[in-house]
Amino acid sequence: MFVTQTRVLFGFGHQTAYLSVTYFDRFVAVRAIDSEKYWAARLLAVACLSLAAKMEECRVPALSDFPVEEFNFESNVMQRMELLVLNTLEWKMGSITPLAYIHYFLSKFCKQLPRKNIVSIVVELIFATVRDTNLMGYRPSAIASAAVLVALDRRLTRQDLELKINALSLSGFLDIENLFICYNRMQELLDTENIKLPKRIPSPDLSRIRLRGTHLCENSSITSFVVNKRKRLIFSDYDKNCDTPEEKRRR
């Protein structure tokens, strides 16, 4: 996959890679690309990754440094594609990704210190959703919470999931049906993507815990995780207004 390989080549963060994919998907949802024109898809991918890097990275390579295989795109052509992406997306480039929610949900769903490789497994699961057009339609918070729960425990029932999200101080922003769908789909992705899980981490019995408010989420905000950066992420209109596949079908 071009984005993954280029991320490693330049040392970009996972946030940058995922953000570029969202730009790509949003663009093709408005402007169709002929599947036979591979060069156009590659040009768009370069433009999206370059724009994402400009949003997230401290150092951004020149457009001429991006690998384009056998294609020989001139810099001015790539710049025009960047501008086309910006105009098509109406310059709305600050999309929230599921990666921003990882540490919040880990702190909520795993009362013990998680194994060191849990975060990397969650990231793998989230990136696996990029190749699943159905999952990409769900809210970032639903994808992130499902990925964390699958990484921690594959044996959760719908009732278990409901107990867990009801234990959150901001439980209203997670829909149990959407979470259940994402959780089950990610179970399948574990097998198809050959993602290895560590031994099961026991979860506390939430039905016996007296729920209390937490100061981690003051003023409806959570601490976000972005590689090499520390930011505050407020539950944005993007996540709240991001229609689920079911909501889109009802329109």
C-alpha atoms as a PDB file:
ATOM      1  CA  MET A   1       0.000   0.000   0.000  1.00  0.00           C
ATOM      2  CA  PHE A   2       1.481   3.319  -1.136  1.00  0.00           C
ATOM      3  CA  VAL A   3       0.546   5.298   1.970  1.00  0.00           C
ATOM      4  CA  THR A   4       1.947   2.734   4.403  1.00  0.00           C
ATOM      5  CA  GLN A   5       5.201   2.333   2.509  1.00  0.00           C
ATOM      6  CA  THR A   6       5.698   6.069   2.116  1.00  0.00           C
ATOM      7  CA  ARG A   7       4.904   6.666   5.789  1.00  0.00           C
ATOM      8  CA  VAL A   8       7.751   4.335   6.738  1.00  0.00           C
ATOM      9  CA  LEU A   9      10.069   5.860   4.124  1.00  0.00           C
ATOM     10  CA  PHE A  10       9.678   9.389   5.481  1.00  0.00           C
ATOM     11  CA  GLY A  11       9.079   8.473   9.113  1.00  0.00           C
ATOM     12  CA  PHE A  12       5.595   9.980   9.184  1.00  0.00           C
ATOM     13  CA  GLY A  13       3.280   9.321  12.105  1.00  0.00           C
ATOM     14  CA  HIS A  14       0.284   6.998  11.850  1.00  0.00           C
ATOM     15  CA  GLN A  15      -1.982  10.020  12.211  1.00  0.00           C
ATOM     16  CA  THR A  16      -0.570  11.455   8.986  1.00  0.00           C
ATOM     17  CA  ALA A  17      -1.118   8.223   7.076  1.00  0.00           C
ATOM     18  CA  TYR A  18      -4.695   7.772   8.266  1.00  0.00           C
ATOM     19  CA  LEU A  19      -5.518  11.418   7.616  1.00  0.00           C
ATOM     20  CA  SER A  20      -4.294  11.112   4.024  1.00  0.00           C
ATOM     21  CA  VAL A  21      -6.611   8.142   3.475  1.00  0.00           C
ATOM     22  CA  THR A  22      -9.591  10.129   4.743  1.00  0.00           C
ATOM     23  CA  TYR A  23      -8.695  12.934   2.322  1.00  0.00           C
ATOM     24  CA  PHE A  24      -8.528  10.411  -0.518  1.00  0.00           C
ATOM     25  CA  ASP A  25     -11.895   8.859   0.372  1.00  0.00           C
ATOM     26  CA  ARG A  26     -13.590  12.230   0.761  1.00  0.00           C
ATOM     27  CA  PHE A  27     -12.214  13.356  -2.596  1.00  0.00           C
ATOM     28  CA  VAL A  28     -13.361  10.308  -4.584  1.00  0.00           C
ATOM     29  CA  ALA A  29     -16.773  10.550  -2.928  1.00  0.00           C
ATOM     30  CA  VAL A  30     -17.166  13.868  -4.757  1.00  0.00           C
ATOM     31  CA  ARG A  31     -15.029  13.348  -7.858  1.00  0.00           C
ATOM     32  CA  ALA A  32     -14.874   9.886  -9.386  1.00  0.00           C
ATOM     33  CA  ILE A  33     -11.559   8.581 -10.710  1.00  0.00           C
ATOM     34  CA  ASP A  34     -11.421   6.166 -13.628  1.00  0.00           C
ATOM     35  CA  SER A  35     -10.165   2.872 -12.210  1.00  0.00           C
ATOM     36  CA  GLU A  36      -8.109   2.325 -15.361  1.00  0.00           C
ATOM     37  CA  LYS A  37      -6.192   5.566 -14.832  1.00  0.00           C
ATOM     38  CA  TYR A  38      -3.741   4.299 -12.237  1.00  0.00           C
ATOM     39  CA  TRP A  39      -1.580   7.376 -12.684  1.00  0.00           C
ATOM     40  CA  ALA A  40      -4.458   9.609 -11.555  1.00  0.00           C
ATOM     41  CA  ALA A  41      -4.969   7.567  -8.392  1.00  0.00           C
ATOM     42  CA  ARG A  42      -1.247   7.743  -7.622  1.00  0.00           C
ATOM     43  CA  LEU A  43      -1.166  11.487  -8.220  1.00  0.00           C
ATOM     44  CA  LEU A  44      -4.130  11.920  -5.886  1.00  0.00           C
ATOM     45  CA  ALA A  45      -2.516   9.692  -3.242  1.00  0.00           C
ATOM     46  CA  VAL A  46       0.676  11.777  -3.339  1.00  0.00           C
ATOM     47  CA  ALA A  47      -1.288  15.012  -3.019  1.00  0.00           C
ATOM     48  CA  CYS A  48      -3.355  13.692  -0.094  1.00  0.00           C
ATOM     49  CA  LEU A  49      -0.316  12.383   1.767  1.00  0.00           C
ATOM     50  CA  SER A  50       1.581  15.612   1.183  1.00  0.00           C
ATOM     51  CA  LEU A  51      -1.332  17.668   2.526  1.00  0.00           C
ATOM     52  CA  ALA A  52      -1.694  15.394   5.548  1.00  0.00           C
ATOM     53  CA  ALA A  53       2.029  15.741   6.249  1.00  0.00           C
ATOM     54  CA  LYS A  54       1.707  19.517   6.101  1.00  0.00           C
ATOM     55  CA  MET A  55      -1.044  19.270   8.705  1.00  0.00           C
ATOM     56  CA  GLU A  56       0.762  16.895  11.068  1.00  0.00           C
ATOM     57  CA  GLU A  57       4.513  16.745  10.498  1.00  0.00           C
ATOM     58  CA  CYS A  58       7.260  19.165  11.493  1.00  0.00           C
ATOM     59  CA  ARG A  59       9.291  18.366   8.391  1.00  0.00           C
ATOM     60  CA  VAL A  60       7.585  17.808   5.062  1.00  0.00           C
ATOM     61  CA  PRO A  61       9.459  16.405   2.042  1.00  0.00           C
ATOM     62  CA  ALA A  62       9.331  18.227  -1.255  1.00  0.00           C
ATOM     63  CA  LEU A  63       6.727  16.913  -3.662  1.00  0.00           C
ATOM     64  CA  SER A  64       9.520  15.780  -5.967  1.00  0.00           C
ATOM     65  CA  ASP A  65      10.776  13.447  -3.206  1.00  0.00           C
ATOM     66  CA  PHE A  66       7.583  11.384  -3.047  1.00  0.00           C
ATOM     67  CA  PRO A  67       7.864   7.991  -4.781  1.00  0.00           C
ATOM     68  CA  VAL A  68       5.749   7.880  -7.927  1.00  0.00           C
ATOM     69  CA  GLU A  69       7.057   4.629  -9.450  1.00  0.00           C
ATOM     70  CA  GLU A  70       7.250   4.835 -13.229  1.00  0.00           C
ATOM     71  CA  PHE A  71       5.320   8.102 -13.400  1.00  0.00           C
ATOM     72  CA  ASN A  72       7.180  11.348 -13.887  1.00  0.00           C
ATOM     73  CA  PHE A  73       4.929  14.005 -12.400  1.00  0.00           C
ATOM     74  CA  GLU A  74       6.242  17.538 -12.531  1.00  0.00           C
ATOM     75  CA  SER A  75       6.088  19.533  -9.300  1.00  0.00           C
ATOM     76  CA  ASN A  76       3.611  22.045 -10.716  1.00  0.00           C
ATOM     77  CA  VAL A  77       1.272  19.182 -11.679  1.00  0.00           C
ATOM     78  CA  MET A  78       1.374  17.806  -8.129  1.00  0.00           C
ATOM     79  CA  GLN A  79       0.811  21.286  -6.720  1.00  0.00           C
ATOM     80  CA  ARG A  80      -2.273  21.707  -8.895  1.00  0.00           C
ATOM     81  CA  MET A  81      -3.563  18.372  -7.630  1.00  0.00           C
ATOM     82  CA  GLU A  82      -3.033  19.543  -4.047  1.00  0.00           C
ATOM     83  CA  LEU A  83      -5.061  22.660  -4.808  1.00  0.00           C
ATOM     84  CA  LEU A  84      -7.792  20.569  -6.432  1.00  0.00           C
ATOM     85  CA  VAL A  85      -7.977  18.413  -3.289  1.00  0.00           C
ATOM     86  CA  LEU A  86      -8.153  21.497  -1.073  1.00  0.00           C
ATOM     87  CA  ASN A  87     -10.938  23.029  -3.135  1.00  0.00           C
ATOM     88  CA  THR A  88     -12.854  19.754  -3.404  1.00  0.00           C
ATOM     89  CA  LEU A  89     -12.702  19.273   0.373  1.00  0.00           C
ATOM     90  CA  GLU A  90     -13.573  22.960   0.832  1.00  0.00           C
ATOM     91  CA  TRP A  91     -10.326  23.410   2.776  1.00  0.00           C
ATOM     92  CA  LYS A  92     -11.727  21.353   5.658  1.00  0.00           C
ATOM     93  CA  MET A  93      -8.559  19.442   6.460  1.00  0.00           C
ATOM     94  CA  GLY A  94      -8.761  19.016  10.228  1.00  0.00           C
ATOM     95  CA  SER A  95     -10.570  15.667  10.298  1.00  0.00           C
ATOM     96  CA  ILE A  96     -10.575  13.734  13.573  1.00  0.00           C
ATOM     97  CA  THR A  97      -9.292  10.165  13.208  1.00  0.00           C
ATOM     98  CA  PRO A  98      -9.833   7.097  15.424  1.00  0.00           C
ATOM     99  CA  LEU A  99      -6.177   7.318  16.500  1.00  0.00           C
ATOM    100  CA  ALA A 100      -7.006  10.359  18.610  1.00  0.00           C
ATOM    101  CA  TYR A 101      -9.212   8.257  20.902  1.00  0.00           C
ATOM    102  CA  ILE A 102      -6.902   5.299  21.551  1.00  0.00           C
ATOM    103  CA  HIS A 103      -5.403   6.291  24.885  1.00  0.00           C
ATOM    104  CA  TYR A 104      -8.716   7.557  26.218  1.00  0.00           C
ATOM    105  CA  PHE A 105     -10.497   4.259  25.580  1.00  0.00           C
ATOM    106  CA  LEU A 106      -7.535   2.247  26.858  1.00  0.00           C
ATOM    107  CA  SER A 107      -7.672   4.194  30.116  1.00  0.00           C
ATOM    108  CA  LYS A 108     -11.397   3.499  30.393  1.00  0.00           C
ATOM    109  CA  PHE A 109     -11.681  -0.101  29.248  1.00  0.00           C
ATOM    110  CA  CYS A 110      -8.478  -1.481  30.765  1.00  0.00           C
ATOM    111  CA  LYS A 111      -8.099  -0.745  34.476  1.00  0.00           C
ATOM    112  CA  GLN A 112      -4.767  -2.533  34.527  1.00  0.00           C
ATOM    113  CA  LEU A 113      -1.710  -1.299  32.677  1.00  0.00           C
ATOM    114  CA  PRO A 114      -2.084  -2.748  29.168  1.00  0.00           C
ATOM    115  CA  ARG A 115       0.629  -4.803  27.548  1.00  0.00           C
ATOM    116  CA  LYS A 116       3.162  -2.770  25.625  1.00  0.00           C
ATOM    117  CA  ASN A 117       2.003  -4.056  22.262  1.00  0.00           C
ATOM    118  CA  ILE A 118      -1.702  -3.331  22.803  1.00  0.00           C
ATOM    119  CA  VAL A 119      -1.439   0.141  21.285  1.00  0.00           C
ATOM    120  CA  SER A 120       0.311  -1.183  18.181  1.00  0.00           C
ATOM    121  CA  ILE A 121      -2.377  -3.862  17.798  1.00  0.00           C
ATOM    122  CA  VAL A 122      -5.126  -1.250  18.080  1.00  0.00           C
ATOM    123  CA  VAL A 123      -3.365   0.861  15.451  1.00  0.00           C
ATOM    124  CA  GLU A 124      -3.143  -2.184  13.158  1.00  0.00           C
ATOM    125  CA  LEU A 125      -6.857  -2.833  13.578  1.00  0.00           C
ATOM    126  CA  ILE A 126      -7.724   0.777  12.849  1.00  0.00           C
ATOM    127  CA  PHE A 127      -5.626   0.766   9.686  1.00  0.00           C
ATOM    128  CA  ALA A 128      -7.247  -2.499   8.633  1.00  0.00           C
ATOM    129  CA  THR A 129     -10.572  -0.641   8.540  1.00  0.00           C
ATOM    130  CA  VAL A 130      -9.181   1.583   5.793  1.00  0.00           C
ATOM    131  CA  ARG A 131      -9.626  -1.310   3.371  1.00  0.00           C
ATOM    132  CA  ASP A 132     -13.206  -1.888   4.560  1.00  0.00           C
ATOM    133  CA  THR A 133     -15.485   0.692   2.980  1.00  0.00           C
ATOM    134  CA  ASN A 134     -18.365  -0.225   5.291  1.00  0.00           C
ATOM    135  CA  LEU A 135     -16.393   0.409   8.479  1.00  0.00           C
ATOM    136  CA  MET A 136     -14.972   3.680   7.167  1.00  0.00           C
ATOM    137  CA  GLY A 137     -18.507   5.046   7.282  1.00  0.00           C
ATOM    138  CA  TYR A 138     -18.687   4.842  11.075  1.00  0.00           C
ATOM    139  CA  ARG A 139     -17.688   7.547  13.507  1.00  0.00           C
ATOM    140  CA  PRO A 140     -14.016   7.693  14.538  1.00  0.00           C
ATOM    141  CA  SER A 141     -14.980   7.146  18.183  1.00  0.00           C
ATOM    142  CA  ALA A 142     -16.901   3.959  17.300  1.00  0.00           C
ATOM    143  CA  ILE A 143     -13.991   2.563  15.291  1.00  0.00           C
ATOM    144  CA  ALA A 144     -11.469   3.400  18.013  1.00  0.00           C
ATOM    145  CA  SER A 145     -13.533   1.970  20.865  1.00  0.00           C
ATOM    146  CA  ALA A 146     -14.221  -1.236  18.928  1.00  0.00           C
ATOM    147  CA  ALA A 147     -10.532  -1.654  18.084  1.00  0.00           C
ATOM    148  CA  VAL A 148      -9.503  -1.207  21.721  1.00  0.00           C
ATOM    149  CA  LEU A 149     -12.131  -3.656  22.962  1.00  0.00           C
ATOM    150  CA  VAL A 150     -11.211  -6.290  20.386  1.00  0.00           C
ATOM    151  CA  ALA A 151      -7.524  -5.954  21.255  1.00  0.00           C
ATOM    152  CA  LEU A 152      -8.321  -6.390  24.957  1.00  0.00           C
ATOM    153  CA  ASP A 153     -10.949  -9.130  24.727  1.00  0.00           C
ATOM    154  CA  ARG A 154     -12.450 -10.983  21.755  1.00  0.00           C
ATOM    155  CA  ARG A 155     -15.154 -12.701  23.805  1.00  0.00           C
ATOM    156  CA  LEU A 156     -17.375  -9.779  24.678  1.00  0.00           C
ATOM    157  CA  THR A 157     -21.113 -10.092  24.143  1.00  0.00           C
ATOM    158  CA  ARG A 158     -23.458  -7.295  23.208  1.00  0.00           C
ATOM    159  CA  GLN A 159     -24.413  -6.996  26.883  1.00  0.00           C
ATOM    160  CA  ASP A 160     -20.741  -6.747  27.866  1.00  0.00           C
ATOM    161  CA  LEU A 161     -20.210  -3.959  25.364  1.00  0.00           C
ATOM    162  CA  GLU A 162     -23.256  -2.106  26.637  1.00  0.00           C
ATOM    163  CA  LEU A 163     -21.981  -2.301  30.219  1.00  0.00           C
ATOM    164  CA  LYS A 164     -18.650  -0.902  29.153  1.00  0.00           C
ATOM    165  CA  ILE A 165     -19.969   2.084  27.239  1.00  0.00           C
ATOM    166  CA  ASN A 166     -22.520   2.848  29.967  1.00  0.00           C
ATOM    167  CA  ALA A 167     -19.586   3.070  32.370  1.00  0.00           C
ATOM    168  CA  LEU A 168     -18.189   6.027  30.432  1.00  0.00           C
ATOM    169  CA  SER A 169     -18.943   9.482  31.752  1.00  0.00           C
ATOM    170  CA  LEU A 170     -19.819  10.482  28.183  1.00  0.00           C
ATOM    171  CA  SER A 171     -21.617   7.283  27.236  1.00  0.00           C
ATOM    172  CA  GLY A 172     -24.144   9.082  25.042  1.00  0.00           C
ATOM    173  CA  PHE A 173     -21.690   9.691  22.223  1.00  0.00           C
ATOM    174  CA  LEU A 174     -21.272   5.934  21.575  1.00  0.00           C
ATOM    175  CA  ASP A 175     -24.141   4.021  19.990  1.00  0.00           C
ATOM    176  CA  ILE A 176     -24.276   0.378  21.113  1.00  0.00           C
ATOM    177  CA  GLU A 177     -25.499  -0.905  17.739  1.00  0.00           C
ATOM    178  CA  ASN A 178     -22.705   0.811  15.826  1.00  0.00           C
ATOM    179  CA  LEU A 179     -20.133  -0.352  18.357  1.00  0.00           C
ATOM    180  CA  PHE A 180     -21.422  -3.932  18.160  1.00  0.00           C
ATOM    181  CA  ILE A 181     -21.197  -3.921  14.351  1.00  0.00           C
ATOM    182  CA  CYS A 182     -17.669  -2.501  14.375  1.00  0.00           C
ATOM    183  CA  TYR A 183     -16.576  -4.924  17.109  1.00  0.00           C
ATOM    184  CA  ASN A 184     -17.804  -7.980  15.184  1.00  0.00           C
ATOM    185  CA  ARG A 185     -16.360  -6.793  11.885  1.00  0.00           C
ATOM    186  CA  MET A 186     -12.969  -6.248  13.493  1.00  0.00           C
ATOM    187  CA  GLN A 187     -13.080  -9.790  14.797  1.00  0.00           C
ATOM    188  CA  GLU A 188     -13.149 -10.878  11.161  1.00  0.00           C
ATOM    189  CA  LEU A 189     -10.347  -8.467  10.250  1.00  0.00           C
ATOM    190  CA  LEU A 190      -8.136 -10.059  12.893  1.00  0.00           C
ATOM    191  CA  ASP A 191      -8.214 -13.285  10.915  1.00  0.00           C
ATOM    192  CA  THR A 192      -8.070 -11.866   7.399  1.00  0.00           C
ATOM    193  CA  GLU A 193      -5.278  -9.407   8.237  1.00  0.00           C
ATOM    194  CA  ASN A 194      -3.415 -11.988  10.349  1.00  0.00           C
ATOM    195  CA  ILE A 195      -3.079  -9.639  13.322  1.00  0.00           C
ATOM    196  CA  LYS A 196      -1.674 -11.382  16.389  1.00  0.00           C
ATOM    197  CA  LEU A 197      -3.265 -10.702  19.772  1.00  0.00           C
ATOM    198  CA  PRO A 198      -1.497 -11.188  23.121  1.00  0.00           C
ATOM    199  CA  LYS A 199      -2.955 -13.382  25.826  1.00  0.00           C
ATOM    200  CA  ARG A 200      -6.274 -12.119  27.084  1.00  0.00           C
ATOM    201  CA  ILE A 201      -6.190  -9.320  29.646  1.00  0.00           C
ATOM    202  CA  PRO A 202      -8.920  -9.816  32.272  1.00  0.00           C
ATOM    203  CA  SER A 203     -11.484  -7.057  32.394  1.00  0.00           C
ATOM    204  CA  PRO A 204     -13.168  -5.912  35.602  1.00  0.00           C
ATOM    205  CA  ASP A 205     -16.806  -6.812  36.248  1.00  0.00           C
ATOM    206  CA  LEU A 206     -18.374  -3.448  35.477  1.00  0.00           C
ATOM    207  CA  SER A 207     -21.761  -4.527  36.817  1.00  0.00           C
ATOM    208  CA  ARG A 208     -20.295  -4.522  40.348  1.00  0.00           C
ATOM    209  CA  ILE A 209     -18.520  -1.203  40.080  1.00  0.00           C
ATOM    210  CA  ARG A 210     -20.169   1.907  41.420  1.00  0.00           C
ATOM    211  CA  LEU A 211     -19.759   4.376  38.600  1.00  0.00           C
ATOM    212  CA  ARG A 212     -18.345   7.758  39.434  1.00  0.00           C
ATOM    213  CA  GLY A 213     -17.608  10.849  37.384  1.00  0.00           C
ATOM    214  CA  THR A 214     -14.111  11.219  36.081  1.00  0.00           C
ATOM    215  CA  HIS A 215     -11.998  14.303  35.770  1.00  0.00           C
ATOM    216  CA  LEU A 216     -10.331  12.948  32.658  1.00  0.00           C
ATOM    217  CA  CYS A 217     -13.179  14.259  30.532  1.00  0.00           C
ATOM    218  CA  GLU A 218     -13.797  17.764  31.797  1.00  0.00           C
ATOM    219  CA  ASN A 219     -16.003  19.992  29.685  1.00  0.00           C
ATOM    220  CA  SER A 220     -16.763  17.181  27.219  1.00  0.00           C
ATOM    221  CA  SER A 221     -13.139  16.872  26.142  1.00  0.00           C
ATOM    222  CA  ILE A 222     -10.663  14.048  26.118  1.00  0.00           C
ATOM    223  CA  THR A 223      -6.924  13.853  26.006  1.00  0.00           C
ATOM    224  CA  SER A 224      -5.985  12.988  22.458  1.00  0.00           C
ATOM    225  CA  PHE A 225      -3.054  10.977  21.226  1.00  0.00           C
ATOM    226  CA  VAL A 226      -1.175  12.146  18.180  1.00  0.00           C
ATOM    227  CA  VAL A 227       2.315  10.837  17.459  1.00  0.00           C
ATOM    228  CA  ASN A 228       5.028  13.142  18.829  1.00  0.00           C
ATOM    229  CA  LYS A 229       2.489  15.797  19.801  1.00  0.00           C
ATOM    230  CA  ARG A 230       0.372  16.664  22.810  1.00  0.00           C
ATOM    231  CA  LYS A 231      -2.969  18.265  22.074  1.00  0.00           C
ATOM    232  CA  ARG A 232      -6.425  18.637  23.544  1.00  0.00           C
ATOM    233  CA  LEU A 233      -9.216  17.153  21.492  1.00  0.00           C
ATOM    234  CA  ILE A 234     -12.767  18.357  22.007  1.00  0.00           C
ATOM    235  CA  PHE A 235     -15.536  16.086  20.811  1.00  0.00           C
ATOM    236  CA  SER A 236     -15.944  17.782  17.494  1.00  0.00           C
ATOM    237  CA  ASP A 237     -18.867  18.349  15.210  1.00  0.00           C
ATOM    238  CA  TYR A 238     -17.130  15.968  12.798  1.00  0.00           C
ATOM    239  CA  ASP A 239     -17.493  13.007  15.139  1.00  0.00           C
ATOM    240  CA  LYS A 240     -20.949  13.970  16.334  1.00  0.00           C
ATOM    241  CA  ASN A 241     -22.263  14.708  12.856  1.00  0.00           C
ATOM    242  CA  CYS A 242     -20.484  11.918  11.015  1.00  0.00           C
ATOM    243  CA  ASP A 243     -23.432   9.909   9.709  1.00  0.00           C
ATOM    244  CA  THR A 244     -23.327   6.169  10.174  1.00  0.00           C
ATOM    245  CA  PRO A 245     -24.156   3.893   7.223  1.00  0.00           C
ATOM    246  CA  GLU A 246     -27.618   3.308   8.686  1.00  0.00           C
ATOM    247  CA  GLU A 247     -28.282   7.052   8.962  1.00  0.00           C
ATOM    248  CA  LYS A 248     -27.125   7.614   5.384  1.00  0.00           C
ATOM    249  CA  ARG A 249     -29.498   4.948   4.083  1.00  0.00           C
ATOM    250  CA  ARG A 250     -32.452   6.558   5.853  1.00  0.00           C
ATOM    251  CA  ARG A 251     -31.884   9.828   4.006  1.00  0.00           C
END
